[in-house]
N, C-alpha and C. Protein backbone atom coordinates (compact mmCIF):
# COMPACT_ATOMS: atom_id res chain seq x y z
N MET A 1 20.44 23.63 17.24
CA MET A 1 19.33 22.92 17.88
C MET A 1 18.62 22.07 16.82
N ILE A 2 18.37 20.81 17.13
CA ILE A 2 17.69 19.95 16.17
C ILE A 2 16.18 19.96 16.44
N ASP A 3 15.41 19.78 15.39
CA ASP A 3 13.96 19.74 15.54
C ASP A 3 13.49 18.30 15.71
N VAL A 4 12.20 18.12 15.84
CA VAL A 4 11.63 16.80 16.12
C VAL A 4 11.89 15.80 14.98
N LYS A 5 11.85 16.28 13.74
CA LYS A 5 12.11 15.38 12.61
C LYS A 5 13.55 14.87 12.63
N GLU A 6 14.47 15.78 12.93
CA GLU A 6 15.87 15.37 13.00
C GLU A 6 16.11 14.42 14.17
N ALA A 7 15.49 14.69 15.31
CA ALA A 7 15.64 13.82 16.48
C ALA A 7 15.08 12.43 16.19
N THR A 8 13.97 12.38 15.49
CA THR A 8 13.37 11.09 15.12
C THR A 8 14.29 10.32 14.19
N GLN A 9 14.88 10.99 13.24
CA GLN A 9 15.80 10.34 12.31
C GLN A 9 17.04 9.83 13.04
N VAL A 10 17.54 10.60 13.99
CA VAL A 10 18.69 10.16 14.79
C VAL A 10 18.34 8.87 15.54
N ALA A 11 17.16 8.85 16.17
CA ALA A 11 16.74 7.66 16.93
C ALA A 11 16.57 6.45 16.01
N LEU A 12 15.93 6.62 14.87
CA LEU A 12 15.74 5.51 13.93
C LEU A 12 17.07 4.99 13.40
N SER A 13 17.98 5.89 13.05
CA SER A 13 19.30 5.48 12.56
C SER A 13 20.08 4.73 13.63
N TYR A 14 20.02 5.21 14.85
CA TYR A 14 20.71 4.57 15.97
C TYR A 14 20.15 3.16 16.18
N PHE A 15 18.84 3.05 16.18
CA PHE A 15 18.17 1.76 16.34
C PHE A 15 18.58 0.79 15.23
N GLU A 16 18.53 1.25 14.01
CA GLU A 16 18.86 0.39 12.86
C GLU A 16 20.33 -0.03 12.88
N ASP A 17 21.22 0.87 13.29
CA ASP A 17 22.65 0.53 13.37
C ASP A 17 22.91 -0.53 14.44
N LEU A 18 22.26 -0.40 15.58
CA LEU A 18 22.48 -1.35 16.66
C LEU A 18 21.90 -2.72 16.38
N TYR A 19 20.77 -2.76 15.69
CA TYR A 19 20.05 -4.00 15.49
C TYR A 19 19.96 -4.42 14.03
N GLU A 20 20.99 -4.11 13.26
CA GLU A 20 20.93 -4.38 11.82
C GLU A 20 20.77 -5.86 11.48
N GLU A 21 21.16 -6.75 12.36
CA GLU A 21 21.05 -8.19 12.11
C GLU A 21 19.73 -8.80 12.58
N GLU A 22 18.94 -8.04 13.31
CA GLU A 22 17.68 -8.55 13.87
C GLU A 22 16.53 -8.43 12.87
N PRO A 23 15.64 -9.43 12.88
CA PRO A 23 14.49 -9.39 11.95
C PRO A 23 13.30 -8.61 12.52
N PHE A 24 13.42 -7.29 12.55
CA PHE A 24 12.33 -6.45 13.05
C PHE A 24 11.42 -6.02 11.91
N SER A 25 10.16 -5.84 12.24
CA SER A 25 9.21 -5.29 11.27
C SER A 25 8.34 -4.27 11.99
N ASN A 26 7.56 -3.57 11.24
CA ASN A 26 6.63 -2.57 11.79
C ASN A 26 7.34 -1.57 12.70
N VAL A 27 8.51 -1.10 12.28
CA VAL A 27 9.25 -0.10 13.05
C VAL A 27 8.57 1.25 12.82
N LEU A 28 8.05 1.81 13.91
CA LEU A 28 7.28 3.05 13.81
C LEU A 28 7.60 4.02 14.94
N LEU A 29 7.45 5.29 14.66
CA LEU A 29 7.53 6.32 15.69
C LEU A 29 6.27 6.20 16.54
N GLU A 30 6.43 6.10 17.86
CA GLU A 30 5.29 5.94 18.75
C GLU A 30 5.01 7.19 19.59
N GLU A 31 6.08 7.77 20.14
CA GLU A 31 5.91 8.93 21.02
C GLU A 31 7.06 9.91 20.83
N VAL A 32 6.76 11.18 21.06
CA VAL A 32 7.76 12.25 21.03
C VAL A 32 7.48 13.16 22.21
N GLU A 33 8.55 13.51 22.90
CA GLU A 33 8.41 14.43 24.03
C GLU A 33 9.67 15.30 24.08
N ARG A 34 9.50 16.56 24.38
CA ARG A 34 10.65 17.45 24.57
C ARG A 34 10.62 17.94 26.00
N ASP A 35 11.78 17.88 26.65
CA ASP A 35 11.87 18.28 28.05
C ASP A 35 13.27 18.83 28.31
N GLU A 36 13.45 19.43 29.48
CA GLU A 36 14.77 19.94 29.87
C GLU A 36 15.17 19.30 31.18
N GLU A 37 16.46 19.03 31.29
CA GLU A 37 17.04 18.54 32.53
C GLU A 37 18.28 19.37 32.81
N ASP A 38 18.32 20.01 33.96
CA ASP A 38 19.45 20.87 34.32
C ASP A 38 19.76 21.91 33.25
N GLY A 39 18.72 22.44 32.63
CA GLY A 39 18.89 23.48 31.62
C GLY A 39 19.26 22.99 30.23
N THR A 40 19.41 21.67 30.06
CA THR A 40 19.74 21.11 28.75
C THR A 40 18.48 20.54 28.12
N PRO A 41 18.15 20.94 26.90
CA PRO A 41 16.96 20.42 26.23
C PRO A 41 17.21 19.01 25.66
N TYR A 42 16.23 18.16 25.79
CA TYR A 42 16.31 16.79 25.26
C TYR A 42 15.04 16.44 24.51
N TRP A 43 15.20 15.60 23.52
CA TRP A 43 14.07 14.95 22.86
C TRP A 43 14.01 13.52 23.39
N PHE A 44 12.82 13.06 23.71
CA PHE A 44 12.59 11.67 24.10
C PHE A 44 11.74 11.05 22.99
N ILE A 45 12.34 10.13 22.28
CA ILE A 45 11.72 9.52 21.11
C ILE A 45 11.48 8.04 21.40
N THR A 46 10.24 7.59 21.28
CA THR A 46 9.93 6.17 21.48
C THR A 46 9.65 5.54 20.13
N ILE A 47 10.39 4.46 19.86
CA ILE A 47 10.25 3.68 18.63
C ILE A 47 9.63 2.34 18.99
N GLY A 48 8.58 1.96 18.28
CA GLY A 48 7.95 0.66 18.49
C GLY A 48 8.31 -0.28 17.35
N PHE A 49 8.35 -1.57 17.64
CA PHE A 49 8.73 -2.55 16.62
C PHE A 49 8.21 -3.94 17.01
N THR A 50 8.21 -4.82 16.04
CA THR A 50 7.85 -6.21 16.26
C THR A 50 9.09 -7.05 15.98
N ASN A 51 9.42 -7.94 16.90
CA ASN A 51 10.57 -8.82 16.72
C ASN A 51 10.07 -10.11 16.10
N GLU A 52 10.29 -10.26 14.81
CA GLU A 52 9.81 -11.43 14.08
C GLU A 52 10.48 -12.72 14.53
N LYS A 53 11.70 -12.63 15.05
CA LYS A 53 12.40 -13.82 15.52
C LYS A 53 11.67 -14.44 16.71
N LYS A 54 11.14 -13.62 17.60
CA LYS A 54 10.39 -14.12 18.76
C LYS A 54 9.17 -14.90 18.29
N LYS A 55 8.54 -14.43 17.25
CA LYS A 55 7.37 -15.10 16.70
C LYS A 55 7.75 -16.46 16.11
N GLU A 56 8.88 -16.51 15.40
CA GLU A 56 9.33 -17.75 14.77
C GLU A 56 9.83 -18.77 15.79
N ASP A 57 10.40 -18.29 16.92
CA ASP A 57 10.99 -19.18 17.92
C ASP A 57 9.95 -19.88 18.79
N SER A 58 8.75 -19.39 18.80
CA SER A 58 7.74 -19.96 19.68
C SER A 58 7.37 -21.37 19.23
N SER A 59 7.25 -22.28 20.20
CA SER A 59 6.94 -23.67 19.87
C SER A 59 5.45 -23.98 19.96
N SER A 60 4.67 -23.06 20.43
CA SER A 60 3.23 -23.28 20.57
C SER A 60 2.54 -23.26 19.21
N PRO A 61 1.68 -24.25 18.95
CA PRO A 61 0.96 -24.24 17.67
C PRO A 61 0.06 -23.01 17.52
N LEU A 62 -0.42 -22.50 18.64
CA LEU A 62 -1.29 -21.32 18.57
C LEU A 62 -0.50 -20.04 18.31
N SER A 63 0.81 -20.09 18.50
CA SER A 63 1.61 -18.88 18.31
C SER A 63 1.59 -18.41 16.87
N THR A 64 1.37 -19.30 15.94
CA THR A 64 1.32 -18.89 14.55
C THR A 64 0.08 -18.06 14.25
N LEU A 65 -0.91 -18.18 15.11
CA LEU A 65 -2.14 -17.41 14.92
C LEU A 65 -2.03 -16.01 15.50
N SER A 66 -1.15 -15.83 16.44
CA SER A 66 -1.02 -14.51 17.07
C SER A 66 0.23 -13.82 16.54
N SER A 67 0.20 -12.53 16.60
CA SER A 67 1.36 -11.77 16.13
C SER A 67 2.39 -11.66 17.25
N ALA A 68 3.62 -11.38 16.88
CA ALA A 68 4.68 -11.19 17.86
C ALA A 68 4.36 -9.96 18.70
N PRO A 69 4.76 -9.97 19.97
CA PRO A 69 4.44 -8.82 20.82
C PRO A 69 5.18 -7.57 20.38
N ARG A 70 4.53 -6.45 20.54
CA ARG A 70 5.13 -5.16 20.20
C ARG A 70 6.08 -4.76 21.31
N ARG A 71 7.24 -4.26 20.94
CA ARG A 71 8.23 -3.82 21.91
C ARG A 71 8.57 -2.36 21.61
N TYR A 72 9.18 -1.70 22.63
CA TYR A 72 9.44 -0.26 22.50
C TYR A 72 10.81 0.09 23.07
N LYS A 73 11.48 1.04 22.41
CA LYS A 73 12.73 1.60 22.89
C LYS A 73 12.55 3.11 22.98
N ARG A 74 13.04 3.69 24.07
CA ARG A 74 12.95 5.13 24.28
C ARG A 74 14.35 5.73 24.22
N PHE A 75 14.51 6.70 23.34
CA PHE A 75 15.80 7.35 23.12
C PHE A 75 15.78 8.75 23.72
N LYS A 76 16.84 9.06 24.43
CA LYS A 76 17.04 10.41 24.96
C LYS A 76 18.11 11.06 24.10
N ILE A 77 17.74 12.14 23.43
CA ILE A 77 18.63 12.79 22.47
C ILE A 77 18.85 14.24 22.88
N ASN A 78 20.10 14.63 22.97
CA ASN A 78 20.43 16.01 23.30
C ASN A 78 19.95 16.90 22.15
N ALA A 79 19.04 17.82 22.45
CA ALA A 79 18.44 18.66 21.40
C ALA A 79 19.40 19.71 20.86
N GLU A 80 20.48 19.97 21.58
CA GLU A 80 21.46 20.95 21.10
C GLU A 80 22.47 20.30 20.16
N THR A 81 22.90 19.08 20.48
CA THR A 81 23.97 18.44 19.70
C THR A 81 23.48 17.34 18.77
N GLY A 82 22.31 16.77 19.06
CA GLY A 82 21.81 15.65 18.28
C GLY A 82 22.41 14.31 18.69
N ASP A 83 23.14 14.28 19.79
CA ASP A 83 23.76 13.05 20.28
C ASP A 83 22.75 12.21 21.07
N VAL A 84 22.80 10.89 20.87
CA VAL A 84 21.99 9.98 21.67
C VAL A 84 22.66 9.85 23.03
N VAL A 85 21.92 10.15 24.08
CA VAL A 85 22.43 10.08 25.45
C VAL A 85 22.12 8.72 26.06
N SER A 86 20.94 8.19 25.75
CA SER A 86 20.58 6.88 26.28
C SER A 86 19.50 6.23 25.42
N MET A 87 19.42 4.92 25.59
CA MET A 87 18.36 4.12 24.97
C MET A 87 17.87 3.17 26.05
N LYS A 88 16.57 3.16 26.29
CA LYS A 88 16.01 2.33 27.36
C LYS A 88 14.82 1.54 26.82
N ILE A 89 14.52 0.46 27.51
CA ILE A 89 13.31 -0.30 27.21
C ILE A 89 12.14 0.51 27.73
N ARG A 90 11.15 0.69 26.90
CA ARG A 90 9.94 1.43 27.31
C ARG A 90 8.83 0.41 27.48
N SER A 91 8.38 0.23 28.70
CA SER A 91 7.29 -0.73 28.91
C SER A 91 5.96 0.02 28.84
N VAL A 92 5.00 -0.66 28.25
CA VAL A 92 3.67 -0.09 28.11
C VAL A 92 2.70 -1.06 28.77
N GLU A 93 2.07 -0.61 29.81
CA GLU A 93 1.11 -1.45 30.52
C GLU A 93 -0.29 -0.87 30.32
N ASN A 94 -1.23 -1.73 30.12
CA ASN A 94 -2.63 -1.32 29.97
C ASN A 94 -2.82 -0.32 28.84
N ALA A 95 -2.11 -0.53 27.76
CA ALA A 95 -2.20 0.41 26.63
C ALA A 95 -3.45 0.19 25.83
């Protein structure tokens, strides 16, 4: 069984491997949750990041004054095996 630190490292490594060519910054752990589905324990790890490319691509003169929007990915990790089961977009409204 993996603990929360190991699950977080799995999620961060998975994220970095998938997006190694993307210019992300401010990659941070945002949320951690442990739950069970059908008797199998899972860790749900949310990683937040800023996509610097989105900031650079904007044509608005005012865009240079604002920061790129924060985005989130939620990872479902099997707590018994440490395998990533899924990665989803995590939307945050009214945060």
